[in-house]
Amino acid sequence: KRALITGAGSGIGRAIALRLAEEGMKLALVGRSADKLMRTAALTGRPLDMLVLPADITAKRGMDDILHILEGHFKGLDALVNSAGTAAQELCERALPLLRTSESPVILDIGPGLALPADLADGIRVEALACGEADEEALRALAEQAVQIIGRVSRRSASD
């Protein structure tokens, strides 16, 4: 399975990346700070398996670069985890064709973020997790919930 995680350099984005890596997912880690993303990749224990994509996702060039790399490297997505809030709105919308390659695509939005029009998200399961200021234990619990949501869909598509 393949997932794109925005805001993967810290906080809930990092926590979810670590848990999804434990599940064996191929991850594209997106954020503004290359150093923070490299740290997240190192913490997975599989840094060479992580696709680290430092970029300003509010800039068209950053989005174009990310999507071009994802298309070439992953050839599609099974999950998109947005922990970068509304800044990732356009990137998430533009990544929908990559999600449509999956039998059971999932968008997981953390906190106040995406507002995808129904016609764009048609056929894609969209879930939301509330996340305020959280300590390490709360981040782990939220990450576990995220893994369960994504895993439930992945297991269902594998058994079909």
Protein backbone atom coordinates (compact mmCIF):
# COMPACT_ATOMS: atom_id res chain seq x y z
CA LYS A 1 0.00 0.00 0.00
CA ARG A 2 1.08 3.57 -0.76
CA ALA A 3 0.35 6.73 1.22
CA LEU A 4 1.10 10.42 0.90
CA ILE A 5 1.40 12.27 4.22
CA THR A 6 1.44 16.06 4.30
CA GLY A 7 2.93 17.70 7.38
CA ALA A 8 5.03 14.57 7.98
CA GLY A 9 7.95 16.42 9.58
CA SER A 10 6.45 16.67 13.06
CA GLY A 11 3.42 16.20 15.28
CA ILE A 12 0.55 14.02 14.18
CA GLY A 13 1.89 13.74 10.62
CA ARG A 14 5.11 12.21 11.94
CA ALA A 15 3.24 9.96 14.38
CA ILE A 16 1.02 8.61 11.60
CA ALA A 17 4.02 8.13 9.30
CA LEU A 18 5.77 6.06 11.95
CA ARG A 19 2.73 3.83 12.50
CA LEU A 20 2.05 3.36 8.79
CA ALA A 21 5.70 2.46 8.27
CA GLU A 22 5.31 -0.22 10.95
CA GLU A 23 2.44 -1.60 8.88
CA GLY A 24 4.78 -1.86 5.88
CA MET A 25 3.25 0.91 3.79
CA LYS A 26 5.29 2.78 1.22
CA LEU A 27 5.24 6.43 2.25
CA ALA A 28 5.75 9.79 0.58
CA LEU A 29 6.61 12.26 3.33
CA VAL A 30 5.79 15.88 2.47
CA GLY A 31 6.61 19.03 4.41
CA ARG A 32 8.57 22.25 4.25
CA SER A 33 11.64 21.16 6.22
CA ALA A 34 13.95 18.60 4.63
CA ASP A 35 15.71 18.09 7.99
CA LYS A 36 12.46 17.26 9.79
CA LEU A 37 11.33 14.92 7.02
CA MET A 38 14.69 13.14 7.06
CA ARG A 39 14.33 12.74 10.83
CA THR A 40 10.87 11.22 10.35
CA ALA A 41 12.27 8.86 7.70
CA ALA A 42 15.10 7.84 10.03
CA LEU A 43 12.66 7.17 12.88
CA THR A 44 10.72 4.71 10.71
CA GLY A 45 13.71 2.38 10.78
CA ARG A 46 13.38 2.13 6.98
CA PRO A 47 14.69 5.51 5.81
CA LEU A 48 15.69 4.28 2.35
CA ASP A 49 12.13 3.07 1.74
CA MET A 50 10.66 6.51 2.40
CA LEU A 51 10.11 9.04 -0.37
CA VAL A 52 11.09 12.37 1.21
CA LEU A 53 9.57 15.34 -0.60
CA PRO A 54 10.44 18.71 0.96
CA ALA A 55 8.31 21.35 -0.71
CA ASP A 56 6.16 24.38 -0.16
CA ILE A 57 2.78 22.88 -1.00
CA THR A 58 1.21 26.33 -1.22
CA ALA A 59 3.32 27.01 -4.33
CA LYS A 60 2.25 25.61 -7.70
CA ARG A 61 5.81 24.50 -8.45
CA GLY A 62 5.97 22.53 -5.18
CA MET A 63 2.70 20.75 -5.94
CA ASP A 64 3.69 20.02 -9.53
CA ASP A 65 7.00 18.52 -8.38
CA ILE A 66 5.32 16.34 -5.74
CA LEU A 67 2.67 15.02 -8.12
CA HIS A 68 5.19 14.34 -10.88
CA ILE A 69 7.42 12.36 -8.50
CA LEU A 70 4.47 10.43 -7.05
CA GLU A 71 3.17 9.49 -10.48
CA GLY A 72 6.57 8.16 -11.48
CA HIS A 73 7.52 6.51 -8.20
CA PHE A 74 4.27 5.10 -6.79
CA LYS A 75 2.08 4.99 -9.92
CA GLY A 76 -0.90 5.67 -7.61
CA LEU A 77 -1.96 6.07 -3.99
CA ASP A 78 -4.09 4.11 -1.56
CA ALA A 79 -4.23 6.77 1.14
CA LEU A 80 -3.70 10.47 1.50
CA VAL A 81 -3.18 11.80 5.04
CA ASN A 82 -3.50 15.57 5.32
CA SER A 83 -2.02 16.97 8.49
CA ALA A 84 -1.03 20.28 6.87
CA GLY A 85 -4.51 21.80 7.15
CA THR A 86 -6.04 23.96 4.46
CA ALA A 87 -2.60 24.66 2.98
CA ALA A 88 -2.80 21.19 1.43
CA GLN A 89 -6.27 21.68 -0.11
CA GLU A 90 -5.14 22.04 -3.72
CA LEU A 91 -2.49 19.31 -3.45
CA CYS A 92 -5.11 16.90 -2.11
CA GLU A 93 -7.54 17.79 -4.89
CA ARG A 94 -4.87 17.34 -7.53
CA ALA A 95 -3.81 13.99 -6.02
CA LEU A 96 -7.29 12.50 -6.41
CA PRO A 97 -6.49 10.87 -9.78
CA LEU A 98 -3.65 8.99 -8.06
CA LEU A 99 -6.08 7.79 -5.38
CA ARG A 100 -8.48 6.56 -8.03
CA THR A 101 -5.93 3.84 -8.92
CA SER A 102 -6.75 2.13 -5.61
CA GLU A 103 -9.68 -0.24 -5.05
CA SER A 104 -10.43 1.41 -1.69
CA PRO A 105 -8.87 4.87 -1.56
CA VAL A 106 -8.90 6.82 1.70
CA ILE A 107 -8.38 10.48 2.50
CA LEU A 108 -7.72 11.09 6.17
CA ASP A 109 -7.94 14.74 7.17
CA ILE A 110 -6.52 15.85 10.51
CA GLY A 111 -8.27 18.72 12.25
CA PRO A 112 -9.77 21.62 10.34
CA GLY A 113 -8.60 21.12 6.80
CA LEU A 114 -10.09 19.81 3.61
CA ALA A 115 -13.43 20.68 2.14
CA LEU A 116 -13.49 18.50 -0.96
CA PRO A 117 -16.51 18.97 -3.21
CA ALA A 118 -18.62 15.79 -3.26
CA ASP A 119 -18.13 15.29 -7.00
CA LEU A 120 -14.34 15.35 -6.57
CA ALA A 121 -14.32 12.90 -3.67
CA ASP A 122 -16.92 10.57 -5.21
CA GLY A 123 -15.97 6.98 -4.49
CA ILE A 124 -13.21 7.96 -2.08
CA ARG A 125 -13.70 7.37 1.60
CA VAL A 126 -13.06 10.63 3.45
CA GLU A 127 -12.54 10.53 7.21
CA ALA A 128 -11.54 13.21 9.69
CA LEU A 129 -9.69 13.10 12.99
CA ALA A 130 -9.83 15.95 15.47
CA CYS A 131 -6.43 16.97 16.74
CA GLY A 132 -5.62 19.92 18.96
CA GLU A 133 -2.49 20.41 20.99
CA ALA A 134 -1.47 16.88 21.87
CA ASP A 135 1.21 15.27 23.99
CA GLU A 136 3.11 12.17 22.84
CA GLU A 137 0.54 9.76 24.25
CA ALA A 138 -2.32 11.56 22.48
CA LEU A 139 -0.34 11.62 19.22
CA ARG A 140 0.23 7.87 19.46
CA ALA A 141 -3.48 7.28 20.10
CA LEU A 142 -4.45 9.44 17.10
CA ALA A 143 -1.87 7.69 14.93
CA GLU A 144 -3.28 4.32 15.97
CA GLN A 145 -6.77 5.48 15.05
CA ALA A 146 -5.48 6.63 11.65
CA VAL A 147 -3.83 3.26 11.03
CA GLN A 148 -7.06 1.47 11.93
CA ILE A 149 -9.07 3.58 9.47
CA ILE A 150 -6.59 3.06 6.65
CA GLY A 151 -5.99 -0.59 7.57
CA ARG A 152 -9.69 -1.43 7.69
CA VAL A 153 -10.12 -0.23 4.14
CA SER A 154 -6.91 -1.91 2.94
CA ARG A 155 -7.86 -5.25 4.49
CA ARG A 156 -11.34 -5.04 2.99
CA SER A 157 -9.94 -4.45 -0.51
CA ALA A 158 -7.40 -7.27 -0.08
CA SER A 159 -10.14 -9.75 0.84
CA ASP A 160 -12.40 -8.78 -2.09
